Amino acid sequence: MSRRANREKVFQLLFSADYYAPEEMEEQIRLFFEDEKDRYIEKKLEEAEEKGVKGAPEELILPASFTQSREEVTKRVESILPVLPELDQKLNEKIDGWNTARIGRVELTVLRLALYEMLYDDEISEAVAINEAVEIAKKYGQDKSSEFINGVLAKFTA
C-alpha cells in the first residue's frame, strides 16, 4: 500500500476515535481491517466471476502488502491516540476565534493527523504533511475544508 493509502486509513481510524472510548479502539482497529479484508475478497470474487471463473477459488491469499499496511497503520494510530489531548491543546493555542470543540470532525481529524506528522515524525517533512492533509480534506471534507486546513497548519511552520 502507498503512504497515501495508509494515511487515509489512519485518518479513518482516528475519525472513529471521537466516537469510541479509548479502551475500545483496539477492537475498532481489528474490525476495520476485517472489513477491509472482506471487501478485498469480495472484489477478487467479483473479478473472477467477470472473467467467467465458476465458483470461488479454494483459497484467496492476501498480498503481503495487506499485512504490512495493517501493521503500519495500527502502529501509527496507536502512537497518535495518546497524544490527542496535546495535539488539541496546540491547535487551540494557534487557531484564532476557533477551538477544537467547534471544528468539524473531519477537519479536526485531518489537523490532528497532520500536526502529529509535523511534530513527531522525522521522516515526513512539514510540506508533505500539509499537502497530504489538504488532499485528505479535499476528499473527505467540505468545500472550504482544504483552505481552512492549509491556513491552520501554516501557523505551525517555522
N, C-alpha and C. Protein backbone atom coordinates (compact mmCIF):
# COMPACT_ATOMS: atom_id res chain seq x y z
N MET A 1 0.83 -1.18 0.00
CA MET A 1 0.00 0.00 0.00
C MET A 1 0.88 1.25 0.00
N SER A 2 0.37 2.27 -0.61
CA SER A 2 1.11 3.52 -0.65
C SER A 2 0.99 4.27 0.68
N ARG A 3 1.89 5.20 0.88
CA ARG A 3 1.81 6.01 2.09
C ARG A 3 0.49 6.77 2.16
N ARG A 4 0.04 7.26 1.00
CA ARG A 4 -1.22 8.00 0.96
C ARG A 4 -2.38 7.10 1.38
N ALA A 5 -2.41 5.88 0.86
CA ALA A 5 -3.49 4.95 1.22
C ALA A 5 -3.44 4.64 2.71
N ASN A 6 -2.25 4.42 3.23
CA ASN A 6 -2.12 4.17 4.67
C ASN A 6 -2.54 5.39 5.48
N ARG A 7 -2.17 6.58 5.02
CA ARG A 7 -2.54 7.81 5.73
C ARG A 7 -4.06 7.94 5.77
N GLU A 8 -4.73 7.59 4.70
CA GLU A 8 -6.20 7.66 4.69
C GLU A 8 -6.80 6.67 5.68
N LYS A 9 -6.20 5.50 5.79
CA LYS A 9 -6.68 4.53 6.77
C LYS A 9 -6.48 5.06 8.19
N VAL A 10 -5.33 5.67 8.44
CA VAL A 10 -5.08 6.26 9.75
C VAL A 10 -6.13 7.33 10.01
N PHE A 11 -6.40 8.17 9.01
CA PHE A 11 -7.41 9.21 9.14
C PHE A 11 -8.76 8.59 9.51
N GLN A 12 -9.16 7.55 8.81
CA GLN A 12 -10.46 6.92 9.07
C GLN A 12 -10.55 6.36 10.49
N LEU A 13 -9.47 5.74 10.93
CA LEU A 13 -9.48 5.19 12.29
C LEU A 13 -9.44 6.30 13.34
N LEU A 14 -8.67 7.34 13.10
CA LEU A 14 -8.64 8.46 14.05
C LEU A 14 -10.00 9.16 14.12
N PHE A 15 -10.68 9.23 13.00
CA PHE A 15 -12.01 9.82 12.97
C PHE A 15 -12.93 9.07 13.93
N SER A 16 -12.81 7.76 13.95
CA SER A 16 -13.67 6.96 14.83
C SER A 16 -13.30 7.11 16.30
N ALA A 17 -12.10 7.59 16.58
CA ALA A 17 -11.65 7.72 17.98
C ALA A 17 -12.53 8.67 18.79
N ASP A 18 -13.17 9.62 18.14
CA ASP A 18 -14.06 10.55 18.85
C ASP A 18 -15.38 9.89 19.25
N TYR A 19 -15.65 8.71 18.71
CA TYR A 19 -16.93 8.06 18.94
C TYR A 19 -16.83 6.81 19.81
N TYR A 20 -15.61 6.44 20.16
CA TYR A 20 -15.40 5.24 20.97
C TYR A 20 -14.51 5.57 22.15
N ALA A 21 -14.70 4.86 23.22
CA ALA A 21 -13.83 5.01 24.39
C ALA A 21 -12.44 4.50 24.01
N PRO A 22 -11.41 5.07 24.62
CA PRO A 22 -10.04 4.65 24.28
C PRO A 22 -9.81 3.14 24.39
N GLU A 23 -10.42 2.52 25.37
CA GLU A 23 -10.23 1.08 25.53
C GLU A 23 -10.92 0.26 24.44
N GLU A 24 -11.79 0.88 23.66
CA GLU A 24 -12.48 0.19 22.58
C GLU A 24 -11.74 0.29 21.24
N MET A 25 -10.72 1.13 21.17
CA MET A 25 -10.07 1.38 19.89
C MET A 25 -9.33 0.15 19.34
N GLU A 26 -8.78 -0.66 20.19
CA GLU A 26 -8.10 -1.87 19.71
C GLU A 26 -9.08 -2.74 18.93
N GLU A 27 -10.27 -2.90 19.47
CA GLU A 27 -11.31 -3.68 18.80
C GLU A 27 -11.77 -2.99 17.52
N GLN A 28 -11.88 -1.67 17.51
CA GLN A 28 -12.27 -0.93 16.31
C GLN A 28 -11.24 -1.10 15.20
N ILE A 29 -9.98 -1.10 15.55
CA ILE A 29 -8.92 -1.30 14.56
C ILE A 29 -9.04 -2.71 13.98
N ARG A 30 -9.25 -3.69 14.83
CA ARG A 30 -9.40 -5.07 14.36
C ARG A 30 -10.58 -5.19 13.39
N LEU A 31 -11.71 -4.60 13.77
CA LEU A 31 -12.90 -4.65 12.92
C LEU A 31 -12.69 -3.91 11.60
N PHE A 32 -11.99 -2.79 11.65
CA PHE A 32 -11.69 -2.02 10.45
C PHE A 32 -10.96 -2.90 9.43
N PHE A 33 -9.94 -3.61 9.89
CA PHE A 33 -9.16 -4.43 8.98
C PHE A 33 -9.89 -5.71 8.56
N GLU A 34 -10.76 -6.23 9.40
CA GLU A 34 -11.59 -7.36 8.99
C GLU A 34 -12.51 -6.93 7.84
N ASP A 35 -13.10 -5.74 7.97
CA ASP A 35 -13.96 -5.21 6.90
C ASP A 35 -13.15 -5.00 5.62
N GLU A 36 -11.95 -4.48 5.76
CA GLU A 36 -11.11 -4.26 4.59
C GLU A 36 -10.78 -5.59 3.91
N LYS A 37 -10.46 -6.60 4.70
CA LYS A 37 -10.17 -7.92 4.16
C LYS A 37 -11.40 -8.48 3.44
N ASP A 38 -12.56 -8.34 4.04
CA ASP A 38 -13.80 -8.82 3.41
C ASP A 38 -14.06 -8.11 2.08
N ARG A 39 -13.82 -6.80 2.04
CA ARG A 39 -14.01 -6.05 0.79
C ARG A 39 -13.03 -6.52 -0.29
N TYR A 40 -11.80 -6.79 0.12
CA TYR A 40 -10.79 -7.28 -0.81
C TYR A 40 -11.22 -8.63 -1.41
N ILE A 41 -11.65 -9.54 -0.56
CA ILE A 41 -12.07 -10.86 -1.02
C ILE A 41 -13.27 -10.75 -1.94
N GLU A 42 -14.22 -9.93 -1.55
CA GLU A 42 -15.42 -9.72 -2.38
C GLU A 42 -15.05 -9.19 -3.76
N LYS A 43 -14.12 -8.24 -3.80
CA LYS A 43 -13.67 -7.67 -5.07
C LYS A 43 -13.01 -8.74 -5.93
N LYS A 44 -12.16 -9.57 -5.33
CA LYS A 44 -11.48 -10.63 -6.08
C LYS A 44 -12.47 -11.66 -6.61
N LEU A 45 -13.49 -11.96 -5.83
CA LEU A 45 -14.51 -12.92 -6.28
C LEU A 45 -15.31 -12.33 -7.44
N GLU A 46 -15.63 -11.04 -7.38
CA GLU A 46 -16.33 -10.39 -8.48
C GLU A 46 -15.49 -10.38 -9.75
N GLU A 47 -14.19 -10.10 -9.59
CA GLU A 47 -13.29 -10.11 -10.75
C GLU A 47 -13.23 -11.50 -11.37
N ALA A 48 -13.16 -12.52 -10.53
CA ALA A 48 -13.13 -13.90 -11.04
C ALA A 48 -14.41 -14.23 -11.79
N GLU A 49 -15.53 -13.79 -11.23
CA GLU A 49 -16.83 -14.05 -11.87
C GLU A 49 -16.92 -13.34 -13.22
N GLU A 50 -16.40 -12.10 -13.29
CA GLU A 50 -16.41 -11.36 -14.55
C GLU A 50 -15.57 -12.04 -15.62
N LYS A 51 -14.54 -12.76 -15.19
CA LYS A 51 -13.67 -13.49 -16.12
C LYS A 51 -14.25 -14.85 -16.49
N GLY A 52 -15.38 -15.18 -15.90
CA GLY A 52 -16.04 -16.43 -16.22
C GLY A 52 -15.61 -17.61 -15.37
N VAL A 53 -14.87 -17.35 -14.32
CA VAL A 53 -14.44 -18.43 -13.43
C VAL A 53 -15.65 -18.86 -12.60
N LYS A 54 -15.93 -20.15 -12.63
CA LYS A 54 -17.08 -20.67 -11.89
C LYS A 54 -16.69 -21.02 -10.47
N GLY A 55 -17.50 -20.61 -9.51
CA GLY A 55 -17.25 -20.94 -8.11
C GLY A 55 -16.13 -20.10 -7.53
N ALA A 56 -16.01 -20.19 -6.23
CA ALA A 56 -14.99 -19.43 -5.52
C ALA A 56 -13.67 -20.19 -5.54
N PRO A 57 -12.58 -19.47 -5.68
CA PRO A 57 -11.29 -20.16 -5.56
C PRO A 57 -11.18 -20.79 -4.18
N GLU A 58 -10.50 -21.92 -4.11
CA GLU A 58 -10.41 -22.64 -2.84
C GLU A 58 -9.76 -21.79 -1.76
N GLU A 59 -8.75 -21.03 -2.14
CA GLU A 59 -8.15 -20.15 -1.14
C GLU A 59 -7.76 -18.85 -1.81
N LEU A 60 -8.00 -17.82 -1.12
CA LEU A 60 -7.67 -16.49 -1.59
C LEU A 60 -6.57 -15.96 -0.70
N ILE A 61 -5.43 -15.70 -1.28
CA ILE A 61 -4.28 -15.28 -0.50
C ILE A 61 -4.20 -13.76 -0.51
N LEU A 62 -4.12 -13.19 0.68
CA LEU A 62 -3.97 -11.75 0.78
C LEU A 62 -2.52 -11.39 0.46
N PRO A 63 -2.33 -10.30 -0.27
CA PRO A 63 -0.96 -9.90 -0.57
C PRO A 63 -0.21 -9.48 0.70
N ALA A 64 1.10 -9.62 0.67
CA ALA A 64 1.93 -9.25 1.82
C ALA A 64 1.73 -7.78 2.18
N SER A 65 1.45 -6.96 1.17
CA SER A 65 1.25 -5.53 1.44
C SER A 65 0.06 -5.28 2.34
N PHE A 66 -0.92 -6.18 2.32
CA PHE A 66 -2.08 -6.03 3.18
C PHE A 66 -1.67 -6.13 4.64
N THR A 67 -0.88 -7.14 4.97
CA THR A 67 -0.41 -7.33 6.34
C THR A 67 0.52 -6.19 6.76
N GLN A 68 1.40 -5.81 5.86
CA GLN A 68 2.33 -4.72 6.16
C GLN A 68 1.57 -3.42 6.41
N SER A 69 0.59 -3.14 5.58
CA SER A 69 -0.23 -1.94 5.74
C SER A 69 -0.95 -1.95 7.08
N ARG A 70 -1.52 -3.10 7.41
CA ARG A 70 -2.24 -3.22 8.68
C ARG A 70 -1.31 -2.91 9.85
N GLU A 71 -0.12 -3.45 9.82
CA GLU A 71 0.84 -3.22 10.90
C GLU A 71 1.24 -1.75 10.99
N GLU A 72 1.54 -1.14 9.84
CA GLU A 72 1.96 0.26 9.83
C GLU A 72 0.85 1.19 10.32
N VAL A 73 -0.35 0.95 9.82
CA VAL A 73 -1.49 1.80 10.20
C VAL A 73 -1.79 1.63 11.68
N THR A 74 -1.82 0.40 12.16
CA THR A 74 -2.11 0.15 13.57
C THR A 74 -1.07 0.83 14.45
N LYS A 75 0.19 0.69 14.10
CA LYS A 75 1.27 1.31 14.88
C LYS A 75 1.10 2.83 14.90
N ARG A 76 0.77 3.41 13.75
CA ARG A 76 0.61 4.86 13.66
C ARG A 76 -0.57 5.33 14.51
N VAL A 77 -1.70 4.67 14.39
CA VAL A 77 -2.88 5.05 15.16
C VAL A 77 -2.59 4.93 16.65
N GLU A 78 -1.97 3.84 17.04
CA GLU A 78 -1.67 3.64 18.46
C GLU A 78 -0.65 4.65 18.99
N SER A 79 0.16 5.22 18.12
CA SER A 79 1.09 6.26 18.58
C SER A 79 0.44 7.63 18.63
N ILE A 80 -0.60 7.84 17.86
CA ILE A 80 -1.28 9.15 17.84
C ILE A 80 -2.31 9.27 18.97
N LEU A 81 -3.05 8.21 19.23
CA LEU A 81 -4.13 8.28 20.22
C LEU A 81 -3.71 8.87 21.57
N PRO A 82 -2.58 8.47 22.13
CA PRO A 82 -2.21 9.01 23.45
C PRO A 82 -1.89 10.51 23.44
N VAL A 83 -1.53 11.06 22.29
CA VAL A 83 -1.15 12.48 22.26
C VAL A 83 -2.27 13.38 21.71
N LEU A 84 -3.46 12.83 21.50
CA LEU A 84 -4.57 13.65 21.01
C LEU A 84 -4.83 14.87 21.90
N PRO A 85 -4.85 14.73 23.22
CA PRO A 85 -5.08 15.92 24.05
C PRO A 85 -4.01 17.01 23.84
N GLU A 86 -2.77 16.58 23.69
CA GLU A 86 -1.69 17.54 23.44
C GLU A 86 -1.86 18.21 22.08
N LEU A 87 -2.21 17.44 21.07
CA LEU A 87 -2.43 18.00 19.74
C LEU A 87 -3.58 19.01 19.76
N ASP A 88 -4.65 18.65 20.45
CA ASP A 88 -5.79 19.56 20.56
C ASP A 88 -5.39 20.86 21.28
N GLN A 89 -4.59 20.74 22.31
CA GLN A 89 -4.13 21.93 23.04
C GLN A 89 -3.32 22.84 22.12
N LYS A 90 -2.42 22.25 21.34
CA LYS A 90 -1.61 23.04 20.41
C LYS A 90 -2.48 23.71 19.35
N LEU A 91 -3.48 22.99 18.88
CA LEU A 91 -4.40 23.57 17.90
C LEU A 91 -5.17 24.73 18.52
N ASN A 92 -5.67 24.53 19.73
CA ASN A 92 -6.43 25.59 20.41
C ASN A 92 -5.58 26.85 20.61
N GLU A 93 -4.30 26.68 20.83
CA GLU A 93 -3.41 27.82 21.03
C GLU A 93 -3.18 28.62 19.75
N LYS A 94 -3.26 27.97 18.59
CA LYS A 94 -2.94 28.61 17.32
C LYS A 94 -4.14 29.12 16.53
N ILE A 95 -5.31 28.56 16.79
CA ILE A 95 -6.47 28.90 15.97
C ILE A 95 -7.21 30.09 16.58
N ASP A 96 -7.16 31.19 15.89
CA ASP A 96 -7.82 32.40 16.36
C ASP A 96 -9.34 32.32 16.15
N GLY A 97 -10.09 32.53 17.20
CA GLY A 97 -11.54 32.55 17.10
C GLY A 97 -12.18 31.18 16.98
N TRP A 98 -11.39 30.15 17.07
CA TRP A 98 -11.91 28.78 16.97
C TRP A 98 -11.31 27.97 18.10
N ASN A 99 -11.88 26.81 18.33
CA ASN A 99 -11.27 25.82 19.20
C ASN A 99 -11.68 24.45 18.69
N THR A 100 -11.04 23.43 19.20
CA THR A 100 -11.29 22.10 18.67
C THR A 100 -12.73 21.62 18.88
N ALA A 101 -13.42 22.19 19.84
CA ALA A 101 -14.81 21.80 20.07
C ALA A 101 -15.72 22.32 18.95
N ARG A 102 -15.31 23.38 18.27
CA ARG A 102 -16.12 23.99 17.21
C ARG A 102 -15.77 23.48 15.82
N ILE A 103 -14.64 22.86 15.67
CA ILE A 103 -14.18 22.40 14.36
C ILE A 103 -14.92 21.11 13.99
N GLY A 104 -15.29 20.99 12.73
CA GLY A 104 -15.92 19.77 12.26
C GLY A 104 -15.02 18.56 12.48
N ARG A 105 -15.62 17.40 12.67
CA ARG A 105 -14.85 16.20 12.99
C ARG A 105 -13.87 15.82 11.89
N VAL A 106 -14.27 15.97 10.64
CA VAL A 106 -13.35 15.64 9.54
C VAL A 106 -12.14 16.56 9.60
N GLU A 107 -12.39 17.86 9.69
CA GLU A 107 -11.30 18.82 9.72
C GLU A 107 -10.41 18.64 10.94
N LEU A 108 -11.01 18.38 12.08
CA LEU A 108 -10.22 18.17 13.29
C LEU A 108 -9.33 16.92 13.16
N THR A 109 -9.87 15.87 12.60
CA THR A 109 -9.09 14.65 12.43
C THR A 109 -7.93 14.88 11.46
N VAL A 110 -8.19 15.60 10.39
CA VAL A 110 -7.12 15.91 9.43
C VAL A 110 -6.04 16.74 10.11
N LEU A 111 -6.45 17.74 10.87
CA LEU A 111 -5.49 18.59 11.58
C LEU A 111 -4.67 17.79 12.58
N ARG A 112 -5.31 16.93 13.32
CA ARG A 112 -4.61 16.11 14.30
C ARG A 112 -3.55 15.23 13.62
N LEU A 113 -3.92 14.58 12.55
CA LEU A 113 -3.00 13.70 11.85
C LEU A 113 -1.82 14.49 11.29
N ALA A 114 -2.10 15.59 10.63
CA ALA A 114 -1.03 16.39 10.04
C ALA A 114 -0.12 16.97 11.12
N LEU A 115 -0.69 17.48 12.18
CA LEU A 115 0.11 18.06 13.25
C LEU A 115 0.98 16.98 13.90
N TYR A 116 0.44 15.80 14.08
CA TYR A 116 1.24 14.70 14.60
C TYR A 116 2.45 14.46 13.69
N GLU A 117 2.20 14.39 12.39
CA GLU A 117 3.30 14.16 11.45
C GLU A 117 4.32 15.29 11.50
N MET A 118 3.85 16.51 11.64
CA MET A 118 4.76 17.66 11.68
C MET A 118 5.61 17.67 12.96
N LEU A 119 5.02 17.27 14.07
CA LEU A 119 5.72 17.35 15.35
C LEU A 119 6.48 16.09 15.74
N TYR A 120 5.99 14.94 15.33
CA TYR A 120 6.53 13.68 15.84
C TYR A 120 7.18 12.76 14.81
N ASP A 121 6.99 13.02 13.54
CA ASP A 121 7.50 12.11 12.52
C ASP A 121 8.62 12.78 11.73
N ASP A 122 9.84 12.40 12.04
CA ASP A 122 11.00 12.99 11.38
C ASP A 122 11.14 12.56 9.92
N GLU A 123 10.43 11.51 9.53
CA GLU A 123 10.52 11.01 8.16
C GLU A 123 9.63 11.78 7.20
N ILE A 124 8.72 12.59 7.73
CA ILE A 124 7.78 13.32 6.88
C ILE A 124 8.04 14.82 7.06
N SER A 125 8.27 15.49 5.96
CA SER A 125 8.52 16.93 6.03
C SER A 125 7.21 17.67 6.32
N GLU A 126 7.35 18.88 6.84
CA GLU A 126 6.16 19.69 7.11
C GLU A 126 5.37 19.91 5.82
N ALA A 127 6.07 20.17 4.72
CA ALA A 127 5.40 20.43 3.45
C ALA A 127 4.57 19.23 3.00
N VAL A 128 5.13 18.04 3.15
CA VAL A 128 4.41 16.83 2.76
C VAL A 128 3.21 16.62 3.68
N ALA A 129 3.40 16.80 4.98
CA ALA A 129 2.30 16.64 5.93
C ALA A 129 1.15 17.59 5.60
N ILE A 130 1.49 18.83 5.29
CA ILE A 130 0.46 19.82 4.95
C ILE A 130 -0.22 19.45 3.64
N ASN A 131 0.57 19.12 2.63
CA ASN A 131 -0.01 18.77 1.33
C ASN A 131 -0.94 17.57 1.44
N GLU A 132 -0.52 16.54 2.16
CA GLU A 132 -1.36 15.35 2.32
C GLU A 132 -2.64 15.68 3.10
N ALA A 133 -2.51 16.55 4.09
CA ALA A 133 -3.70 16.96 4.86
C ALA A 133 -4.69 17.68 3.96
N VAL A 134 -4.19 18.55 3.12
CA VAL A 134 -5.06 19.29 2.19
C VAL A 134 -5.76 18.32 1.25
N GLU A 135 -5.04 17.32 0.76
CA GLU A 135 -5.65 16.34 -0.14
C GLU A 135 -6.73 15.52 0.55
N ILE A 136 -6.48 15.11 1.78
CA ILE A 136 -7.50 14.37 2.53
C ILE A 136 -8.71 15.26 2.78
N ALA A 137 -8.47 16.53 3.09
CA ALA A 137 -9.57 17.46 3.32
C ALA A 137 -10.41 17.64 2.05
N LYS A 138 -9.77 17.68 0.91
CA LYS A 138 -10.50 17.80 -0.36
C LYS A 138 -11.38 16.58 -0.60
N LYS A 139 -10.87 15.43 -0.21
CA LYS A 139 -11.61 14.18 -0.45
C LYS A 139 -12.74 13.96 0.54
N TYR A 140 -12.51 14.27 1.82
CA TYR A 140 -13.47 13.93 2.86
C TYR A 140 -14.20 15.14 3.46
N GLY A 141 -13.65 16.32 3.27
CA GLY A 141 -14.21 17.49 3.92
C GLY A 141 -15.20 18.25 3.05
N GLN A 142 -15.54 19.42 3.52
CA GLN A 142 -16.46 20.28 2.80
C GLN A 142 -15.68 21.15 1.80
N ASP A 143 -16.40 22.01 1.08
CA ASP A 143 -15.79 22.81 0.02
C ASP A 143 -14.58 23.62 0.48
N LYS A 144 -14.66 24.26 1.61
CA LYS A 144 -13.59 25.15 2.08
C LYS A 144 -12.66 24.47 3.09
N SER A 145 -12.85 23.20 3.33
CA SER A 145 -12.03 22.49 4.33
C SER A 145 -10.55 22.56 4.03
N SER A 146 -10.19 22.34 2.76
CA SER A 146 -8.77 22.31 2.42
C SER A 146 -8.10 23.66 2.68
N GLU A 147 -8.81 24.75 2.41
CA GLU A 147 -8.27 26.08 2.68
C GLU A 147 -8.09 26.31 4.18
N PHE A 148 -9.07 25.88 4.95
CA PHE A 148 -9.00 26.01 6.41
C PHE A 148 -7.82 25.22 6.95
N ILE A 149 -7.69 23.97 6.51
CA ILE A 149 -6.61 23.09 6.95
C ILE A 149 -5.26 23.73 6.61
N ASN A 150 -5.12 24.19 5.39
CA ASN A 150 -3.86 24.80 4.96
C ASN A 150 -3.53 26.02 5.82
N GLY A 151 -4.50 26.86 6.09
CA GLY A 151 -4.29 28.06 6.89
C GLY A 151 -3.88 27.75 8.32
N VAL A 152 -4.54 26.77 8.91
CA VAL A 152 -4.22 26.42 10.30
C VAL A 152 -2.81 25.82 10.37
N LEU A 153 -2.51 24.88 9.50
CA LEU A 153 -1.22 24.22 9.55
C LEU A 153 -0.06 25.15 9.22
N ALA A 154 -0.33 26.16 8.40
CA ALA A 154 0.71 27.15 8.09
C ALA A 154 1.18 27.86 9.34
N LYS A 155 0.32 27.99 10.34
CA LYS A 155 0.69 28.65 11.59
C LYS A 155 1.72 27.84 12.39
N PHE A 156 1.90 26.58 12.04
CA PHE A 156 2.83 25.71 12.77
C PHE A 156 4.20 25.60 12.07
N THR A 157 4.31 26.17 10.90
CA THR A 157 5.60 26.07 10.18
C THR A 157 6.56 27.12 10.71
N ALA A 158 7.81 26.77 10.70
CA ALA A 158 8.84 27.64 11.27
C ALA A 158 9.20 28.80 10.39
